[in-house]
């Protein structure tokens, strides 16, 4: 589904809630990458990258706020690019940085936990090649940032949800121990 389509997202959220009688938590991880230096970046490309992540998160959080009882938590998958920046990712970094603001607004409206996890790069696994190009992988390695093992990344998220401070709006997680 295109998460920028507010009506489709609202209907999906309502249907899930109707089918199961509740919605306990949500993890949002939509996004696209179109790396280019800002001088080479078109307005359309910027909007595709920024809008996919930001408008998608906004429509999902708005839909969740309309439920009779919002989920206990909403997690947005951000990127370390929001904290460190990456060459050619001004749009992606800005979009990921915006996720925390959207989460805070949702937390204020609903009283529920909102968390943005700014992930470092994940290692490829199985059929999924990951989102790190060889060039970006070399740049991360130059900065001393290792790739996250997918199993460890999953466990890190579960630990954060179970034991992290509920008032924390965002965390950065890398395999390098940040």
N, C-alpha and C. Protein backbone atom coordinates (compact mmCIF):
# COMPACT_ATOMS: atom_id res chain seq x y z
N UNK A 1 0.84 -1.17 0.00
CA UNK A 1 0.00 0.00 0.00
C UNK A 1 0.89 1.23 0.00
N UNK A 2 0.43 2.27 -0.63
CA UNK A 2 1.12 3.55 -0.61
C UNK A 2 0.68 4.28 0.66
N UNK A 3 1.57 4.40 1.61
CA UNK A 3 1.24 5.01 2.89
C UNK A 3 1.01 6.51 2.80
N UNK A 4 1.22 7.10 1.64
CA UNK A 4 0.89 8.50 1.45
C UNK A 4 -0.59 8.68 1.16
N UNK A 5 -1.31 7.59 0.88
CA UNK A 5 -2.74 7.63 0.60
C UNK A 5 -3.50 7.55 1.92
N UNK A 6 -3.86 8.70 2.46
CA UNK A 6 -4.45 8.78 3.80
C UNK A 6 -5.71 7.94 3.93
N UNK A 7 -6.57 7.96 2.93
CA UNK A 7 -7.83 7.20 3.02
C UNK A 7 -7.57 5.70 3.05
N UNK A 8 -6.65 5.22 2.21
CA UNK A 8 -6.33 3.79 2.18
C UNK A 8 -5.71 3.35 3.51
N UNK A 9 -4.85 4.18 4.07
CA UNK A 9 -4.21 3.84 5.36
C UNK A 9 -5.26 3.82 6.46
N UNK A 10 -6.12 4.80 6.50
CA UNK A 10 -7.18 4.84 7.52
C UNK A 10 -8.07 3.60 7.42
N UNK A 11 -8.46 3.23 6.21
CA UNK A 11 -9.30 2.05 6.04
C UNK A 11 -8.57 0.78 6.47
N UNK A 12 -7.31 0.66 6.15
CA UNK A 12 -6.54 -0.53 6.54
C UNK A 12 -6.42 -0.63 8.05
N UNK A 13 -6.11 0.49 8.70
CA UNK A 13 -5.98 0.50 10.16
C UNK A 13 -7.32 0.14 10.81
N UNK A 14 -8.39 0.72 10.32
CA UNK A 14 -9.71 0.41 10.88
C UNK A 14 -10.07 -1.05 10.65
N UNK A 15 -9.72 -1.59 9.50
CA UNK A 15 -10.04 -3.00 9.20
C UNK A 15 -9.25 -3.93 10.10
N UNK A 16 -7.98 -3.66 10.29
CA UNK A 16 -7.16 -4.49 11.19
C UNK A 16 -7.74 -4.45 12.59
N UNK A 17 -8.10 -3.26 13.05
CA UNK A 17 -8.68 -3.13 14.39
C UNK A 17 -10.00 -3.89 14.47
N UNK A 18 -10.83 -3.78 13.45
CA UNK A 18 -12.12 -4.48 13.45
C UNK A 18 -11.94 -6.00 13.43
N UNK A 19 -10.99 -6.47 12.63
CA UNK A 19 -10.75 -7.92 12.53
C UNK A 19 -10.23 -8.52 13.81
N UNK A 20 -9.42 -7.78 14.56
CA UNK A 20 -8.76 -8.34 15.74
C UNK A 20 -9.22 -7.74 17.06
N UNK A 21 -10.03 -6.70 16.99
CA UNK A 21 -10.54 -6.08 18.20
C UNK A 21 -9.54 -5.19 18.91
N UNK A 22 -8.36 -5.09 18.37
CA UNK A 22 -7.32 -4.23 18.97
C UNK A 22 -6.14 -4.12 18.00
N UNK A 23 -5.28 -3.19 18.30
CA UNK A 23 -4.02 -3.03 17.59
C UNK A 23 -3.01 -2.64 18.67
N UNK A 24 -2.13 -3.57 19.01
CA UNK A 24 -1.25 -3.38 20.17
C UNK A 24 -0.07 -2.47 19.91
N UNK A 25 0.50 -2.53 18.73
CA UNK A 25 1.66 -1.71 18.41
C UNK A 25 1.89 -1.68 16.92
N UNK A 26 2.65 -0.69 16.48
CA UNK A 26 2.90 -0.51 15.06
C UNK A 26 4.39 -0.21 14.85
N UNK A 27 4.95 -0.81 13.82
CA UNK A 27 6.31 -0.52 13.39
C UNK A 27 6.23 -0.04 11.95
N UNK A 28 6.71 1.16 11.71
CA UNK A 28 6.65 1.78 10.38
C UNK A 28 8.05 1.89 9.81
N UNK A 29 8.24 1.37 8.61
CA UNK A 29 9.58 1.41 8.03
C UNK A 29 9.61 1.71 6.55
N UNK A 30 8.66 2.48 6.03
CA UNK A 30 8.63 2.79 4.60
C UNK A 30 9.73 3.79 4.25
N UNK A 31 10.19 3.73 3.02
CA UNK A 31 11.16 4.71 2.57
C UNK A 31 11.75 4.31 1.23
N UNK A 32 12.27 5.29 0.55
CA UNK A 32 13.01 5.08 -0.69
C UNK A 32 14.30 5.88 -0.62
N UNK A 33 15.29 5.42 -1.35
CA UNK A 33 16.57 6.11 -1.40
C UNK A 33 16.89 6.43 -2.86
N UNK A 34 17.23 7.67 -3.12
CA UNK A 34 17.67 8.11 -4.44
C UNK A 34 18.87 9.03 -4.22
N UNK A 35 20.00 8.45 -3.86
CA UNK A 35 21.18 9.24 -3.50
C UNK A 35 21.69 10.07 -4.68
N UNK A 36 21.84 11.35 -4.40
CA UNK A 36 22.42 12.31 -5.35
C UNK A 36 22.94 13.49 -4.53
N UNK A 37 24.00 14.10 -5.01
CA UNK A 37 24.44 15.35 -4.39
C UNK A 37 23.33 16.37 -4.56
N UNK A 38 23.21 17.30 -3.64
CA UNK A 38 22.10 18.25 -3.67
C UNK A 38 22.08 19.05 -4.98
N UNK A 39 23.24 19.35 -5.54
CA UNK A 39 23.31 20.09 -6.80
C UNK A 39 22.73 19.28 -7.96
N UNK A 40 22.68 17.96 -7.81
CA UNK A 40 22.16 17.08 -8.85
C UNK A 40 20.76 16.56 -8.54
N UNK A 41 20.20 16.94 -7.41
CA UNK A 41 18.92 16.42 -6.94
C UNK A 41 17.78 17.25 -7.51
N UNK A 42 16.82 16.60 -8.13
CA UNK A 42 15.65 17.31 -8.63
C UNK A 42 14.63 17.47 -7.49
N UNK A 43 13.77 18.46 -7.63
CA UNK A 43 12.72 18.67 -6.64
C UNK A 43 11.80 17.45 -6.55
N UNK A 44 11.55 16.81 -7.68
CA UNK A 44 10.68 15.64 -7.71
C UNK A 44 11.32 14.48 -6.95
N UNK A 45 12.61 14.28 -7.14
CA UNK A 45 13.30 13.21 -6.43
C UNK A 45 13.31 13.49 -4.93
N UNK A 46 13.61 14.74 -4.56
CA UNK A 46 13.60 15.09 -3.13
C UNK A 46 12.23 14.78 -2.53
N UNK A 47 11.16 15.18 -3.22
CA UNK A 47 9.81 14.97 -2.69
C UNK A 47 9.47 13.48 -2.60
N UNK A 48 9.92 12.68 -3.56
CA UNK A 48 9.67 11.24 -3.51
C UNK A 48 10.31 10.63 -2.27
N UNK A 49 11.56 10.97 -2.03
CA UNK A 49 12.28 10.41 -0.89
C UNK A 49 11.70 10.94 0.42
N UNK A 50 11.59 12.26 0.53
CA UNK A 50 11.09 12.88 1.76
C UNK A 50 9.62 12.51 2.00
N UNK A 51 8.82 12.65 0.97
CA UNK A 51 7.38 12.42 1.11
C UNK A 51 7.02 10.99 1.42
N UNK A 52 7.72 10.04 0.83
CA UNK A 52 7.40 8.63 1.10
C UNK A 52 7.52 8.34 2.59
N UNK A 53 8.59 8.79 3.20
CA UNK A 53 8.80 8.51 4.62
C UNK A 53 7.93 9.39 5.50
N UNK A 54 7.93 10.70 5.27
CA UNK A 54 7.25 11.65 6.15
C UNK A 54 5.73 11.61 5.98
N UNK A 55 5.26 11.71 4.75
CA UNK A 55 3.81 11.69 4.55
C UNK A 55 3.22 10.33 4.93
N UNK A 56 3.98 9.27 4.64
CA UNK A 56 3.53 7.95 5.05
C UNK A 56 3.40 7.82 6.56
N UNK A 57 4.40 8.30 7.28
CA UNK A 57 4.35 8.25 8.75
C UNK A 57 3.20 9.11 9.28
N UNK A 58 3.03 10.29 8.71
CA UNK A 58 1.97 11.19 9.16
C UNK A 58 0.59 10.55 8.95
N UNK A 59 0.36 9.97 7.78
CA UNK A 59 -0.96 9.38 7.54
C UNK A 59 -1.19 8.18 8.45
N UNK A 60 -0.17 7.38 8.70
CA UNK A 60 -0.32 6.23 9.60
C UNK A 60 -0.62 6.70 11.02
N UNK A 61 0.15 7.64 11.54
CA UNK A 61 -0.07 8.11 12.90
C UNK A 61 -1.42 8.79 13.05
N UNK A 62 -1.84 9.55 12.04
CA UNK A 62 -3.17 10.16 12.08
C UNK A 62 -4.26 9.10 12.12
N UNK A 63 -4.11 8.05 11.33
CA UNK A 63 -5.10 6.96 11.32
C UNK A 63 -5.13 6.25 12.67
N UNK A 64 -3.97 6.00 13.24
CA UNK A 64 -3.92 5.32 14.54
C UNK A 64 -4.58 6.15 15.63
N UNK A 65 -4.45 7.47 15.54
CA UNK A 65 -5.04 8.36 16.54
C UNK A 65 -6.56 8.34 16.49
N UNK A 66 -7.12 7.87 15.39
CA UNK A 66 -8.58 7.82 15.26
C UNK A 66 -9.20 6.54 15.82
N UNK A 67 -8.38 5.58 16.20
CA UNK A 67 -8.91 4.34 16.76
C UNK A 67 -9.54 4.60 18.12
N UNK A 68 -10.51 3.76 18.52
CA UNK A 68 -11.11 3.93 19.86
C UNK A 68 -10.05 3.87 20.97
N UNK A 69 -9.06 3.02 20.78
CA UNK A 69 -7.93 2.95 21.70
C UNK A 69 -6.67 2.80 20.85
N UNK A 70 -5.86 3.86 20.81
CA UNK A 70 -4.64 3.78 19.99
C UNK A 70 -3.71 2.69 20.50
N UNK A 71 -2.81 2.20 19.64
CA UNK A 71 -1.85 1.19 20.07
C UNK A 71 -0.97 1.71 21.21
N UNK A 72 -0.40 0.79 21.97
CA UNK A 72 0.46 1.16 23.09
C UNK A 72 1.74 1.85 22.61
N UNK A 73 2.17 1.54 21.40
CA UNK A 73 3.39 2.15 20.88
C UNK A 73 3.35 2.24 19.37
N UNK A 74 4.11 3.22 18.87
CA UNK A 74 4.36 3.36 17.43
C UNK A 74 5.85 3.58 17.27
N UNK A 75 6.49 2.69 16.54
CA UNK A 75 7.92 2.77 16.27
C UNK A 75 8.11 3.15 14.81
N UNK A 76 8.93 4.15 14.58
CA UNK A 76 9.30 4.51 13.22
C UNK A 76 10.76 4.13 13.01
N UNK A 77 11.01 3.51 11.88
CA UNK A 77 12.39 3.16 11.52
C UNK A 77 13.01 4.35 10.81
N UNK A 78 13.91 5.00 11.52
CA UNK A 78 14.67 6.10 10.97
C UNK A 78 16.02 5.59 10.49
N UNK A 79 16.93 6.49 10.33
CA UNK A 79 18.26 6.16 9.83
C UNK A 79 19.32 6.97 10.55
N UNK A 80 20.47 6.35 10.70
CA UNK A 80 21.62 7.06 11.26
C UNK A 80 21.97 8.28 10.42
N UNK A 81 21.49 8.31 9.19
CA UNK A 81 21.72 9.48 8.33
C UNK A 81 21.14 10.74 8.98
N UNK A 82 20.09 10.61 9.79
CA UNK A 82 19.51 11.77 10.47
C UNK A 82 20.48 12.32 11.51
N UNK A 83 21.30 11.46 12.10
CA UNK A 83 22.24 11.88 13.14
C UNK A 83 23.61 12.25 12.57
N UNK A 84 24.07 11.49 11.60
CA UNK A 84 25.42 11.69 11.07
C UNK A 84 25.47 12.31 9.68
N UNK A 85 24.37 12.19 8.95
CA UNK A 85 24.37 12.60 7.55
C UNK A 85 25.11 11.59 6.70
N UNK A 86 24.80 11.55 5.47
CA UNK A 86 25.49 10.72 4.48
C UNK A 86 25.57 11.50 3.19
N UNK A 87 26.68 11.43 2.55
CA UNK A 87 26.88 12.11 1.27
C UNK A 87 25.78 11.68 0.30
N UNK A 88 25.09 12.66 -0.27
CA UNK A 88 24.06 12.37 -1.26
C UNK A 88 22.70 12.05 -0.66
N UNK A 89 22.55 12.17 0.67
CA UNK A 89 21.28 11.79 1.29
C UNK A 89 20.63 12.93 2.07
N UNK A 90 20.69 14.14 1.56
CA UNK A 90 20.09 15.27 2.27
C UNK A 90 18.59 15.05 2.45
N UNK A 91 17.92 14.54 1.44
CA UNK A 91 16.47 14.30 1.52
C UNK A 91 16.15 13.17 2.50
N UNK A 92 16.92 12.11 2.43
CA UNK A 92 16.71 10.95 3.31
C UNK A 92 17.01 11.32 4.77
N UNK A 93 18.08 12.08 5.00
CA UNK A 93 18.42 12.51 6.36
C UNK A 93 17.33 13.42 6.92
N UNK A 94 16.85 14.36 6.13
CA UNK A 94 15.80 15.27 6.59
C UNK A 94 14.52 14.51 6.90
N UNK A 95 14.15 13.56 6.06
CA UNK A 95 12.94 12.78 6.30
C UNK A 95 13.04 11.99 7.59
N UNK A 96 14.17 11.34 7.80
CA UNK A 96 14.34 10.53 9.01
C UNK A 96 14.38 11.40 10.26
N UNK A 97 14.94 12.59 10.17
CA UNK A 97 14.95 13.51 11.30
C UNK A 97 13.53 13.94 11.66
N UNK A 98 12.68 14.10 10.67
CA UNK A 98 11.30 14.54 10.89
C UNK A 98 10.47 13.49 11.63
N UNK A 99 10.83 12.23 11.53
CA UNK A 99 10.05 11.17 12.17
C UNK A 99 9.88 11.39 13.67
N UNK A 100 10.93 11.85 14.35
CA UNK A 100 10.82 12.07 15.79
C UNK A 100 9.78 13.14 16.13
N UNK A 101 9.74 14.21 15.34
CA UNK A 101 8.76 15.27 15.56
C UNK A 101 7.35 14.73 15.37
N UNK A 102 7.14 13.96 14.31
CA UNK A 102 5.81 13.37 14.09
C UNK A 102 5.43 12.45 15.24
N UNK A 103 6.38 11.64 15.71
CA UNK A 103 6.12 10.75 16.83
C UNK A 103 5.77 11.52 18.09
N UNK A 104 6.47 12.61 18.36
CA UNK A 104 6.20 13.41 19.55
C UNK A 104 4.79 14.00 19.50
N UNK A 105 4.39 14.45 18.33
CA UNK A 105 3.02 14.99 18.19
C UNK A 105 1.98 13.90 18.45
N UNK A 106 2.23 12.70 17.93
CA UNK A 106 1.30 11.59 18.14
C UNK A 106 1.27 11.22 19.62
N UNK A 107 2.43 11.18 20.26
CA UNK A 107 2.51 10.87 21.70
C UNK A 107 1.70 11.91 22.49
N UNK A 108 1.83 13.18 22.13
CA UNK A 108 1.09 14.23 22.83
C UNK A 108 -0.42 14.09 22.63
N UNK A 109 -0.84 13.67 21.44
CA UNK A 109 -2.28 13.52 21.15
C UNK A 109 -2.88 12.29 21.81
N UNK A 110 -2.09 11.23 21.90
CA UNK A 110 -2.65 9.95 22.34
C UNK A 110 -2.20 9.51 23.73
N UNK A 111 -1.11 10.05 24.22
CA UNK A 111 -0.55 9.60 25.49
C UNK A 111 0.17 8.27 25.39
N UNK A 112 0.43 7.82 24.17
CA UNK A 112 1.08 6.53 23.94
C UNK A 112 2.54 6.72 23.58
N UNK A 113 3.29 5.64 23.64
CA UNK A 113 4.73 5.70 23.38
C UNK A 113 5.00 5.84 21.88
N UNK A 114 5.87 6.77 21.55
CA UNK A 114 6.34 6.95 20.17
C UNK A 114 7.86 6.93 20.20
N UNK A 115 8.44 6.10 19.36
CA UNK A 115 9.88 5.94 19.33
C UNK A 115 10.37 5.90 17.89
N UNK A 116 11.40 6.67 17.62
CA UNK A 116 12.08 6.57 16.33
C UNK A 116 13.43 5.93 16.59
N UNK A 117 13.71 4.84 15.87
CA UNK A 117 15.00 4.18 15.97
C UNK A 117 15.80 4.56 14.74
N UNK A 118 16.87 5.29 14.98
CA UNK A 118 17.76 5.68 13.88
C UNK A 118 18.80 4.58 13.72
N UNK A 119 18.48 3.66 12.84
CA UNK A 119 19.31 2.49 12.62
C UNK A 119 20.55 2.82 11.82
N UNK A 120 21.63 2.16 12.20
CA UNK A 120 22.79 2.11 11.34
C UNK A 120 22.49 1.14 10.20
N UNK A 121 23.46 0.87 9.38
CA UNK A 121 23.22 0.00 8.22
C UNK A 121 23.07 -1.47 8.64
N UNK A 122 22.09 -2.12 8.05
CA UNK A 122 21.84 -3.54 8.30
C UNK A 122 22.59 -4.38 7.27
N UNK A 123 23.09 -5.49 7.73
CA UNK A 123 23.75 -6.44 6.83
C UNK A 123 22.69 -7.12 5.97
N UNK A 124 23.04 -7.46 4.73
CA UNK A 124 22.10 -8.22 3.90
C UNK A 124 21.84 -9.59 4.53
N UNK A 125 20.67 -10.13 4.24
CA UNK A 125 20.33 -11.45 4.76
C UNK A 125 19.45 -12.18 3.76
N UNK A 126 19.71 -13.45 3.57
CA UNK A 126 18.89 -14.25 2.67
C UNK A 126 18.73 -13.59 1.32
N UNK A 127 17.49 -13.48 0.89
CA UNK A 127 17.20 -12.91 -0.42
C UNK A 127 17.20 -11.38 -0.39
N UNK A 128 17.22 -10.78 0.81
CA UNK A 128 17.18 -9.32 0.92
C UNK A 128 18.60 -8.77 0.93
N UNK A 129 18.92 -7.98 -0.07
CA UNK A 129 20.27 -7.44 -0.20
C UNK A 129 20.54 -6.24 0.67
N UNK A 130 19.53 -5.77 1.41
CA UNK A 130 19.72 -4.60 2.27
C UNK A 130 19.64 -3.32 1.47
N UNK A 131 19.85 -2.20 2.16
CA UNK A 131 19.74 -0.89 1.52
C UNK A 131 21.10 -0.21 1.39
N UNK A 132 22.15 -0.91 1.71
CA UNK A 132 23.48 -0.31 1.68
C UNK A 132 24.18 -0.70 0.38
N UNK A 133 24.43 0.30 -0.45
CA UNK A 133 25.19 0.06 -1.67
C UNK A 133 26.65 -0.20 -1.29
N UNK A 134 27.41 -0.82 -2.18
CA UNK A 134 28.83 -1.02 -1.87
C UNK A 134 29.55 0.29 -1.53
N UNK A 135 29.22 1.36 -2.25
CA UNK A 135 29.86 2.66 -1.98
C UNK A 135 29.51 3.16 -0.58
N UNK A 136 28.23 3.07 -0.20
CA UNK A 136 27.81 3.50 1.12
C UNK A 136 28.41 2.60 2.20
N UNK A 137 28.51 1.31 1.92
CA UNK A 137 29.15 0.38 2.85
C UNK A 137 30.59 0.77 3.12
N UNK A 138 31.31 1.17 2.09
CA UNK A 138 32.70 1.62 2.26
C UNK A 138 32.78 2.90 3.09
N UNK A 139 31.82 3.80 2.86
CA UNK A 139 31.80 5.05 3.64
C UNK A 139 31.53 4.76 5.11
N UNK A 140 30.58 3.88 5.39
CA UNK A 140 30.33 3.50 6.79
C UNK A 140 31.58 2.86 7.40
N UNK A 141 32.22 1.97 6.68
CA UNK A 141 33.43 1.30 7.18
C UNK A 141 34.52 2.34 7.48
N UNK A 142 34.66 3.34 6.60
CA UNK A 142 35.64 4.40 6.82
C UNK A 142 35.37 5.14 8.13
N UNK A 143 34.08 5.27 8.49
CA UNK A 143 33.70 5.95 9.72
C UNK A 143 33.67 5.01 10.93
N UNK A 144 34.01 3.72 10.70
CA UNK A 144 34.02 2.76 11.80
C UNK A 144 32.64 2.24 12.17
N UNK A 145 31.70 2.29 11.24
CA UNK A 145 30.33 1.83 11.50
C UNK A 145 30.15 0.47 10.84
N UNK A 146 29.93 -0.55 11.66
CA UNK A 146 29.74 -1.91 11.17
C UNK A 146 28.29 -2.14 10.78
N UNK A 147 28.03 -3.20 10.02
CA UNK A 147 26.68 -3.55 9.61
C UNK A 147 25.98 -4.33 10.73
N UNK A 148 24.71 -4.04 10.94
CA UNK A 148 23.92 -4.67 11.99
C UNK A 148 23.49 -6.06 11.55
N UNK A 149 23.74 -7.04 12.38
CA UNK A 149 23.23 -8.39 12.15
C UNK A 149 21.71 -8.33 12.29
N UNK A 150 20.95 -8.82 11.30
CA UNK A 150 19.49 -8.71 11.37
C UNK A 150 18.87 -9.33 12.63
N UNK A 151 19.39 -10.43 13.08
CA UNK A 151 18.84 -11.04 14.31
C UNK A 151 19.10 -10.14 15.51
N UNK A 152 20.30 -9.58 15.60
CA UNK A 152 20.63 -8.69 16.71
C UNK A 152 19.82 -7.40 16.63
N UNK A 153 19.59 -6.89 15.45
CA UNK A 153 18.77 -5.69 15.30
C UNK A 153 17.36 -5.91 15.81
N UNK A 154 16.80 -7.05 15.47
CA UNK A 154 15.45 -7.38 15.94
C UNK A 154 15.41 -7.45 17.46
N UNK A 155 16.40 -8.11 18.04
CA UNK A 155 16.46 -8.22 19.50
C UNK A 155 16.67 -6.86 20.16
N UNK A 156 17.46 -6.00 19.53
CA UNK A 156 17.69 -4.66 20.07
C UNK A 156 16.38 -3.88 20.15
N UNK A 157 15.56 -3.98 19.10
CA UNK A 157 14.27 -3.29 19.12
C UNK A 157 13.38 -3.84 20.22
N UNK A 158 13.32 -5.15 20.36
CA UNK A 158 12.49 -5.75 21.40
C UNK A 158 12.97 -5.35 22.80
N UNK A 159 14.29 -5.29 22.99
CA UNK A 159 14.83 -4.84 24.29
C UNK A 159 14.46 -3.39 24.56
N UNK A 160 14.55 -2.56 23.54
CA UNK A 160 14.20 -1.14 23.72
C UNK A 160 12.74 -0.99 24.09
N UNK A 161 11.87 -1.74 23.43
CA UNK A 161 10.44 -1.65 23.75
C UNK A 161 10.15 -2.18 25.16
N UNK A 162 10.86 -3.20 25.57
CA UNK A 162 10.60 -3.80 26.89
C UNK A 162 11.21 -2.99 28.03
N UNK A 163 12.41 -2.47 27.83
CA UNK A 163 13.13 -1.87 28.96
C UNK A 163 13.57 -0.43 28.75
N UNK A 164 13.36 0.13 27.58
CA UNK A 164 13.78 1.51 27.33
C UNK A 164 12.87 2.50 28.05
N UNK A 165 13.40 3.69 28.24
CA UNK A 165 12.62 4.77 28.86
C UNK A 165 11.48 5.17 27.93
N UNK A 166 10.26 5.13 28.43
CA UNK A 166 9.11 5.45 27.58
C UNK A 166 9.10 6.90 27.12
N UNK A 167 9.77 7.77 27.85
CA UNK A 167 9.79 9.18 27.46
C UNK A 167 10.81 9.47 26.36
N UNK A 168 11.68 8.51 26.06
CA UNK A 168 12.69 8.70 25.02
C UNK A 168 12.03 8.72 23.65
N UNK A 169 12.27 9.78 22.89
CA UNK A 169 11.65 9.93 21.58
C UNK A 169 12.42 9.28 20.46
N UNK A 170 13.75 9.13 20.65
CA UNK A 170 14.55 8.49 19.61
C UNK A 170 15.80 7.90 20.20
N UNK A 171 16.29 6.88 19.52
CA UNK A 171 17.55 6.24 19.87
C UNK A 171 18.32 5.98 18.58
N UNK A 172 19.63 5.89 18.69
CA UNK A 172 20.49 5.51 17.58
C UNK A 172 21.02 4.13 17.90
N UNK A 173 20.92 3.24 16.93
CA UNK A 173 21.43 1.89 17.15
C UNK A 173 22.33 1.49 15.98
N UNK A 174 23.56 1.12 16.30
CA UNK A 174 24.48 0.61 15.30
C UNK A 174 25.14 -0.66 15.84
N UNK A 175 25.75 -1.40 14.97
CA UNK A 175 26.51 -2.58 15.39
C UNK A 175 27.82 -2.15 16.02
N UNK A 176 28.17 -0.89 15.92
CA UNK A 176 29.45 -0.39 16.39
C UNK A 176 29.40 0.07 17.84
N UNK A 177 28.27 -0.13 18.51
CA UNK A 177 28.17 0.21 19.91
C UNK A 177 27.88 1.67 20.23
N UNK A 178 27.32 2.40 19.34
CA UNK A 178 26.97 3.81 19.60
C UNK A 178 25.88 3.88 20.62
